[in-house]
Amino acid sequence: MKIIMLGAPGAGKGTQAKMIADKYGVPHVSTGDIFRANIKEGTELGKEAKSYMDQGLLVPDELTVKILLDRVAKEDCMNGYVLDGFPRTIPQAEVLEKALAELGDNIDYAIDVDVPDENIVNRMSGRRACTECGATYHIVHIPPKTEGVCDKCGKELVLRDDDKPETVGRRLSVYHEQTQPLIDFYSKKGILKTIDGTADMRDVFAAIIQILGE
């Protein structure tokens, strides 16, 4: 079972990806994590990626796919995986599709966690993060016991710059321009499944399980 998670920043696709991975016993493959691991381990692919990142450049799609294929070729991915954070653009999706086809492989499902922009702005502006330990809260859904104070270490909770409405608005614009076309791309392939991401987290997960099967 090979799955790609789609959805705007703040739609909750990362949370659902982890839950799917746990339930079906397959790895949650986040491209950010793979990059960090390769750079930390000093692999050839990691060194190549770092050379771009150190110059403030985007890692080319071909190299990103190489790093991704290296990860999904590992034994723990034999029964499948959940891709989170890649592909983000049509060219990336095409490079990935071609590379998998050469291995006689393909993606089974692209799951779009669909949430309107307005909901995302409200969701993210309610997030609070601890300045010390990094724990995250939400003023409505997961509030701390004491307002503005971390339950775990007692330090101050702040609204991160990434979660401010104006920043979220910019991130959503980039998403609609670059990533949303993937919805059409995977719809034409007949593997797109759209889930209402405005529902409770458990209900979203239940809807995904209904698609994937027990």
C-alpha atoms as a PDB file:
ATOM      1  CA  MET A   1       0.000   0.000   0.000  1.00  0.00           C
ATOM      2  CA  LYS A   2       1.786   3.102  -1.269  1.00  0.00           C
ATOM      3  CA  ILE A   3       0.093   6.377  -0.393  1.00  0.00           C
ATOM      4  CA  ILE A   4       0.724  10.065  -1.100  1.00  0.00           C
ATOM      5  CA  MET A   5      -0.806  12.584   1.313  1.00  0.00           C
ATOM      6  CA  LEU A   6      -2.041  15.850  -0.209  1.00  0.00           C
ATOM      7  CA  GLY A   7      -3.519  18.933   1.426  1.00  0.00           C
ATOM      8  CA  ALA A   8      -2.756  22.543   2.249  1.00  0.00           C
ATOM      9  CA  PRO A   9      -0.353  23.466   5.069  1.00  0.00           C
ATOM     10  CA  GLY A  10      -2.289  23.069   8.324  1.00  0.00           C
ATOM     11  CA  ALA A  11      -4.869  20.674   6.827  1.00  0.00           C
ATOM     12  CA  GLY A  12      -3.685  17.915   9.165  1.00  0.00           C
ATOM     13  CA  LYS A  13      -2.203  15.595   6.534  1.00  0.00           C
ATOM     14  CA  GLY A  14       0.958  14.979   8.602  1.00  0.00           C
ATOM     15  CA  THR A  15      -1.086  13.840  11.605  1.00  0.00           C
ATOM     16  CA  GLN A  16      -3.189  11.540   9.414  1.00  0.00           C
ATOM     17  CA  ALA A  17      -0.056  10.181   7.701  1.00  0.00           C
ATOM     18  CA  LYS A  18       1.377   9.155  11.097  1.00  0.00           C
ATOM     19  CA  MET A  19      -1.921   7.511  12.113  1.00  0.00           C
ATOM     20  CA  ILE A  20      -2.118   5.572   8.816  1.00  0.00           C
ATOM     21  CA  ALA A  21       1.502   4.442   9.200  1.00  0.00           C
ATOM     22  CA  ASP A  22       0.844   3.239  12.764  1.00  0.00           C
ATOM     23  CA  LYS A  23      -2.342   1.379  11.872  1.00  0.00           C
ATOM     24  CA  TYR A  24      -0.980  -0.431   8.808  1.00  0.00           C
ATOM     25  CA  GLY A  25       2.572  -0.951  10.071  1.00  0.00           C
ATOM     26  CA  VAL A  26       4.244   0.945   7.224  1.00  0.00           C
ATOM     27  CA  PRO A  27       6.748   3.828   7.461  1.00  0.00           C
ATOM     28  CA  HIS A  28       5.672   7.471   7.461  1.00  0.00           C
ATOM     29  CA  VAL A  29       8.146   8.893   4.950  1.00  0.00           C
ATOM     30  CA  SER A  30       8.593  12.643   5.344  1.00  0.00           C
ATOM     31  CA  THR A  31      10.943  14.231   2.815  1.00  0.00           C
ATOM     32  CA  GLY A  32      12.173  16.716   5.437  1.00  0.00           C
ATOM     33  CA  ASP A  33      13.165  13.833   7.735  1.00  0.00           C
ATOM     34  CA  ILE A  34      14.941  11.992   4.889  1.00  0.00           C
ATOM     35  CA  PHE A  35      16.984  15.064   3.967  1.00  0.00           C
ATOM     36  CA  ARG A  36      18.003  15.620   7.588  1.00  0.00           C
ATOM     37  CA  ALA A  37      18.942  11.935   8.036  1.00  0.00           C
ATOM     38  CA  ASN A  38      21.071  11.840   4.865  1.00  0.00           C
ATOM     39  CA  ILE A  39      22.855  15.075   5.755  1.00  0.00           C
ATOM     40  CA  LYS A  40      23.459  13.919   9.342  1.00  0.00           C
ATOM     41  CA  GLU A  41      24.803  10.536   8.179  1.00  0.00           C
ATOM     42  CA  GLY A  42      27.003  12.221   5.555  1.00  0.00           C
ATOM     43  CA  THR A  43      25.758  10.029   2.676  1.00  0.00           C
ATOM     44  CA  GLU A  44      26.751  10.935  -0.896  1.00  0.00           C
ATOM     45  CA  LEU A  45      23.152  11.956  -1.617  1.00  0.00           C
ATOM     46  CA  GLY A  46      23.102  13.991   1.607  1.00  0.00           C
ATOM     47  CA  LYS A  47      26.316  15.821   0.692  1.00  0.00           C
ATOM     48  CA  GLU A  48      24.919  16.618  -2.746  1.00  0.00           C
ATOM     49  CA  ALA A  49      21.652  17.937  -1.254  1.00  0.00           C
ATOM     50  CA  LYS A  50      23.561  19.992   1.331  1.00  0.00           C
ATOM     51  CA  SER A  51      25.637  21.669  -1.395  1.00  0.00           C
ATOM     52  CA  TYR A  52      22.406  23.144  -2.824  1.00  0.00           C
ATOM     53  CA  MET A  53      20.903  24.000   0.548  1.00  0.00           C
ATOM     54  CA  ASP A  54      24.073  25.777   1.708  1.00  0.00           C
ATOM     55  CA  GLN A  55      23.725  28.092  -1.294  1.00  0.00           C
ATOM     56  CA  GLY A  56      20.094  28.755  -0.444  1.00  0.00           C
ATOM     57  CA  LEU A  57      18.983  26.826  -3.539  1.00  0.00           C
ATOM     58  CA  LEU A  58      16.149  24.314  -3.856  1.00  0.00           C
ATOM     59  CA  VAL A  59      17.298  20.712  -4.160  1.00  0.00           C
ATOM     60  CA  PRO A  60      16.575  19.630  -7.787  1.00  0.00           C
ATOM     61  CA  ASP A  61      13.611  17.293  -8.274  1.00  0.00           C
ATOM     62  CA  GLU A  62      15.789  14.490  -9.690  1.00  0.00           C
ATOM     63  CA  LEU A  63      18.010  14.486  -6.593  1.00  0.00           C
ATOM     64  CA  THR A  64      15.013  14.649  -4.240  1.00  0.00           C
ATOM     65  CA  VAL A  65      13.485  11.631  -6.010  1.00  0.00           C
ATOM     66  CA  LYS A  66      16.831   9.772  -5.793  1.00  0.00           C
ATOM     67  CA  ILE A  67      16.924  10.350  -2.026  1.00  0.00           C
ATOM     68  CA  LEU A  68      13.270   9.310  -1.761  1.00  0.00           C
ATOM     69  CA  LEU A  69      13.773   6.108  -3.801  1.00  0.00           C
ATOM     70  CA  ASP A  70      16.811   5.260  -1.681  1.00  0.00           C
ATOM     71  CA  ARG A  71      14.550   5.475   1.392  1.00  0.00           C
ATOM     72  CA  VAL A  72      11.607   3.476   0.010  1.00  0.00           C
ATOM     73  CA  ALA A  73      13.995   0.759  -1.234  1.00  0.00           C
ATOM     74  CA  LYS A  74      14.758  -0.126   2.395  1.00  0.00           C
ATOM     75  CA  GLU A  75      13.319  -3.321   3.858  1.00  0.00           C
ATOM     76  CA  ASP A  76      10.781  -1.588   6.134  1.00  0.00           C
ATOM     77  CA  CYS A  77       9.031  -0.168   3.018  1.00  0.00           C
ATOM     78  CA  MET A  78       8.461  -3.581   1.403  1.00  0.00           C
ATOM     79  CA  ASN A  79       4.762  -3.569   2.367  1.00  0.00           C
ATOM     80  CA  GLY A  80       4.268   0.088   1.480  1.00  0.00           C
ATOM     81  CA  TYR A  81       4.733   3.597   2.858  1.00  0.00           C
ATOM     82  CA  VAL A  82       2.970   6.927   3.370  1.00  0.00           C
ATOM     83  CA  LEU A  83       4.627   9.866   1.560  1.00  0.00           C
ATOM     84  CA  ASP A  84       4.262  13.217   3.298  1.00  0.00           C
ATOM     85  CA  GLY A  85       5.647  16.446   1.789  1.00  0.00           C
ATOM     86  CA  PHE A  86       6.396  15.095  -1.674  1.00  0.00           C
ATOM     87  CA  PRO A  87       5.537  15.588  -4.457  1.00  0.00           C
ATOM     88  CA  ARG A  88       4.708  19.290  -4.182  1.00  0.00           C
ATOM     89  CA  THR A  89       4.572  20.109  -7.900  1.00  0.00           C
ATOM     90  CA  ILE A  90       3.531  18.433 -11.172  1.00  0.00           C
ATOM     91  CA  PRO A  91       7.173  18.077 -12.375  1.00  0.00           C
ATOM     92  CA  GLN A  92       8.043  16.304  -9.097  1.00  0.00           C
ATOM     93  CA  ALA A  93       5.048  13.987  -9.501  1.00  0.00           C
ATOM     94  CA  GLU A  94       6.113  13.168 -13.061  1.00  0.00           C
ATOM     95  CA  VAL A  95       9.718  12.434 -12.059  1.00  0.00           C
ATOM     96  CA  LEU A  96       8.492  10.229  -9.196  1.00  0.00           C
ATOM     97  CA  GLU A  97       6.016   8.372 -11.431  1.00  0.00           C
ATOM     98  CA  LYS A  98       8.699   7.692 -14.072  1.00  0.00           C
ATOM     99  CA  ALA A  99      11.231   6.507 -11.473  1.00  0.00           C
ATOM    100  CA  LEU A 100       8.705   4.154  -9.830  1.00  0.00           C
ATOM    101  CA  ALA A 101       7.578   2.829 -13.238  1.00  0.00           C
ATOM    102  CA  GLU A 102      11.189   1.919 -14.046  1.00  0.00           C
ATOM    103  CA  LEU A 103      11.143  -0.215 -10.887  1.00  0.00           C
ATOM    104  CA  GLY A 104       7.816  -1.757 -11.923  1.00  0.00           C
ATOM    105  CA  ASP A 105       6.105   0.126  -9.112  1.00  0.00           C
ATOM    106  CA  ASN A 106       3.395   2.772  -8.674  1.00  0.00           C
ATOM    107  CA  ILE A 107       1.389   4.775  -6.124  1.00  0.00           C
ATOM    108  CA  ASP A 108      -1.903   3.159  -5.009  1.00  0.00           C
ATOM    109  CA  TYR A 109      -3.698   6.175  -3.475  1.00  0.00           C
ATOM    110  CA  ALA A 110      -3.331   9.952  -3.339  1.00  0.00           C
ATOM    111  CA  ILE A 111      -5.378  11.136  -0.354  1.00  0.00           C
ATOM    112  CA  ASP A 112      -6.359  14.808  -0.322  1.00  0.00           C
ATOM    113  CA  VAL A 113      -7.265  16.160   3.121  1.00  0.00           C
ATOM    114  CA  ASP A 114      -9.475  19.023   1.968  1.00  0.00           C
ATOM    115  CA  VAL A 115      -9.884  22.062   4.256  1.00  0.00           C
ATOM    116  CA  PRO A 116     -11.044  25.571   3.160  1.00  0.00           C
ATOM    117  CA  ASP A 117      -8.465  28.372   3.521  1.00  0.00           C
ATOM    118  CA  GLU A 118     -10.536  30.219   6.126  1.00  0.00           C
ATOM    119  CA  ASN A 119     -10.546  27.166   8.428  1.00  0.00           C
ATOM    120  CA  ILE A 120      -6.789  26.748   8.026  1.00  0.00           C
ATOM    121  CA  VAL A 121      -6.068  30.382   8.930  1.00  0.00           C
ATOM    122  CA  ASN A 122      -8.256  30.027  12.053  1.00  0.00           C
ATOM    123  CA  ARG A 123      -6.655  26.692  12.970  1.00  0.00           C
ATOM    124  CA  MET A 124      -3.075  27.860  12.611  1.00  0.00           C
ATOM    125  CA  SER A 125      -3.555  31.221  14.288  1.00  0.00           C
ATOM    126  CA  GLY A 126      -4.788  29.254  17.328  1.00  0.00           C
ATOM    127  CA  ARG A 127      -1.579  27.234  17.575  1.00  0.00           C
ATOM    128  CA  ARG A 128       0.898  27.960  20.339  1.00  0.00           C
ATOM    129  CA  ALA A 129       4.430  26.572  20.681  1.00  0.00           C
ATOM    130  CA  CYS A 130       6.722  26.377  23.709  1.00  0.00           C
ATOM    131  CA  THR A 131       9.842  28.540  23.407  1.00  0.00           C
ATOM    132  CA  GLU A 132      11.828  25.984  25.437  1.00  0.00           C
ATOM    133  CA  CYS A 133      10.807  22.361  24.662  1.00  0.00           C
ATOM    134  CA  GLY A 134       8.892  22.879  21.374  1.00  0.00           C
ATOM    135  CA  ALA A 135       5.628  21.297  22.632  1.00  0.00           C
ATOM    136  CA  THR A 136       2.615  22.510  20.641  1.00  0.00           C
ATOM    137  CA  TYR A 137      -0.911  23.402  21.741  1.00  0.00           C
ATOM    138  CA  HIS A 138      -4.082  24.924  20.314  1.00  0.00           C
ATOM    139  CA  ILE A 139      -6.055  27.519  22.247  1.00  0.00           C
ATOM    140  CA  VAL A 140      -9.350  25.781  21.314  1.00  0.00           C
ATOM    141  CA  HIS A 141      -8.569  22.109  20.586  1.00  0.00           C
ATOM    142  CA  ILE A 142      -5.549  21.327  22.820  1.00  0.00           C
ATOM    143  CA  PRO A 143      -5.293  24.194  25.316  1.00  0.00           C
ATOM    144  CA  PRO A 144      -2.569  24.242  27.991  1.00  0.00           C
ATOM    145  CA  LYS A 145      -3.713  23.920  31.617  1.00  0.00           C
ATOM    146  CA  THR A 146      -2.605  27.502  32.240  1.00  0.00           C
ATOM    147  CA  GLU A 147      -3.030  30.033  29.440  1.00  0.00           C
ATOM    148  CA  GLY A 148       0.284  30.922  27.795  1.00  0.00           C
ATOM    149  CA  VAL A 149       2.293  28.402  29.852  1.00  0.00           C
ATOM    150  CA  CYS A 150       3.670  25.031  28.700  1.00  0.00           C
ATOM    151  CA  ASP A 151       2.300  22.024  30.624  1.00  0.00           C
ATOM    152  CA  LYS A 152       5.586  20.156  30.214  1.00  0.00           C
ATOM    153  CA  CYS A 153       8.258  22.663  31.207  1.00  0.00           C
ATOM    154  CA  GLY A 154       6.435  25.769  32.442  1.00  0.00           C
ATOM    155  CA  LYS A 155       7.967  28.104  29.857  1.00  0.00           C
ATOM    156  CA  GLU A 156       6.147  30.680  27.706  1.00  0.00           C
ATOM    157  CA  LEU A 157       3.941  29.674  24.766  1.00  0.00           C
ATOM    158  CA  VAL A 158       4.060  31.850  21.647  1.00  0.00           C
ATOM    159  CA  LEU A 159       2.360  32.185  18.258  1.00  0.00           C
ATOM    160  CA  ARG A 160       5.127  31.254  15.826  1.00  0.00           C
ATOM    161  CA  ASP A 161       5.775  33.505  12.819  1.00  0.00           C
ATOM    162  CA  ASP A 162       4.863  30.551  10.565  1.00  0.00           C
ATOM    163  CA  ASP A 163       1.389  30.440  12.119  1.00  0.00           C
ATOM    164  CA  LYS A 164       0.563  34.164  11.868  1.00  0.00           C
ATOM    165  CA  PRO A 165      -2.399  34.849   9.523  1.00  0.00           C
ATOM    166  CA  GLU A 166      -0.339  36.864   7.014  1.00  0.00           C
ATOM    167  CA  THR A 167       2.320  34.113   6.781  1.00  0.00           C
ATOM    168  CA  VAL A 168      -0.332  31.393   6.501  1.00  0.00           C
ATOM    169  CA  GLY A 169      -1.982  33.396   3.711  1.00  0.00           C
ATOM    170  CA  ARG A 170       1.290  33.488   1.752  1.00  0.00           C
ATOM    171  CA  ARG A 171       1.866  29.749   2.269  1.00  0.00           C
ATOM    172  CA  LEU A 172      -1.667  29.014   1.048  1.00  0.00           C
ATOM    173  CA  SER A 173      -1.086  31.119  -2.102  1.00  0.00           C
ATOM    174  CA  VAL A 174       2.032  29.066  -2.896  1.00  0.00           C
ATOM    175  CA  TYR A 175       0.083  25.858  -2.234  1.00  0.00           C
ATOM    176  CA  HIS A 176      -2.763  26.813  -4.595  1.00  0.00           C
ATOM    177  CA  GLU A 177      -0.326  27.824  -7.316  1.00  0.00           C
ATOM    178  CA  GLN A 178       2.134  24.901  -7.104  1.00  0.00           C
ATOM    179  CA  THR A 179       0.608  21.968  -5.252  1.00  0.00           C
ATOM    180  CA  GLN A 180      -3.135  22.066  -5.872  1.00  0.00           C
ATOM    181  CA  PRO A 181      -2.673  21.091  -9.577  1.00  0.00           C
ATOM    182  CA  LEU A 182      -1.617  17.685  -8.196  1.00  0.00           C
ATOM    183  CA  ILE A 183      -5.285  17.121  -7.289  1.00  0.00           C
ATOM    184  CA  ASP A 184      -6.156  17.107 -11.005  1.00  0.00           C
ATOM    185  CA  PHE A 185      -3.015  15.121 -11.856  1.00  0.00           C
ATOM    186  CA  TYR A 186      -3.897  12.229  -9.530  1.00  0.00           C
ATOM    187  CA  SER A 187      -7.615  12.497 -10.274  1.00  0.00           C
ATOM    188  CA  LYS A 188      -6.854  11.784 -13.945  1.00  0.00           C
ATOM    189  CA  LYS A 189      -4.804   8.755 -12.849  1.00  0.00           C
ATOM    190  CA  GLY A 190      -7.903   7.473 -11.022  1.00  0.00           C
ATOM    191  CA  ILE A 191      -6.177   7.175  -7.627  1.00  0.00           C
ATOM    192  CA  LEU A 192      -7.298  10.414  -5.922  1.00  0.00           C
ATOM    193  CA  LYS A 193      -9.475  10.139  -2.799  1.00  0.00           C
ATOM    194  CA  THR A 194     -10.753  13.367  -1.220  1.00  0.00           C
ATOM    195  CA  ILE A 195     -11.543  13.518   2.491  1.00  0.00           C
ATOM    196  CA  ASP A 196     -13.373  16.306   4.361  1.00  0.00           C
ATOM    197  CA  GLY A 197     -10.584  17.583   6.608  1.00  0.00           C
ATOM    198  CA  THR A 198     -12.884  19.930   8.561  1.00  0.00           C
ATOM    199  CA  ALA A 199     -14.286  16.974  10.531  1.00  0.00           C
ATOM    200  CA  ASP A 200     -12.898  15.801  13.869  1.00  0.00           C
ATOM    201  CA  MET A 201      -9.428  14.222  13.533  1.00  0.00           C
ATOM    202  CA  ARG A 202     -10.805  10.762  14.464  1.00  0.00           C
ATOM    203  CA  ASP A 203     -13.623  11.053  11.902  1.00  0.00           C
ATOM    204  CA  VAL A 204     -11.130  12.045   9.189  1.00  0.00           C
ATOM    205  CA  PHE A 205      -9.073   8.966  10.049  1.00  0.00           C
ATOM    206  CA  ALA A 206     -12.170   6.739  10.019  1.00  0.00           C
ATOM    207  CA  ALA A 207     -13.019   8.026   6.516  1.00  0.00           C
ATOM    208  CA  ILE A 208      -9.480   7.210   5.349  1.00  0.00           C
ATOM    209  CA  ILE A 209      -9.689   3.669   6.791  1.00  0.00           C
ATOM    210  CA  GLN A 210     -12.965   3.168   4.936  1.00  0.00           C
ATOM    211  CA  ILE A 211     -11.093   3.858   1.687  1.00  0.00           C
ATOM    212  CA  LEU A 212      -7.995   1.798   2.497  1.00  0.00           C
ATOM    213  CA  GLY A 213      -9.815  -1.104   4.145  1.00  0.00           C
ATOM    214  CA  GLU A 214      -9.226  -2.624   7.584  1.00  0.00           C
END
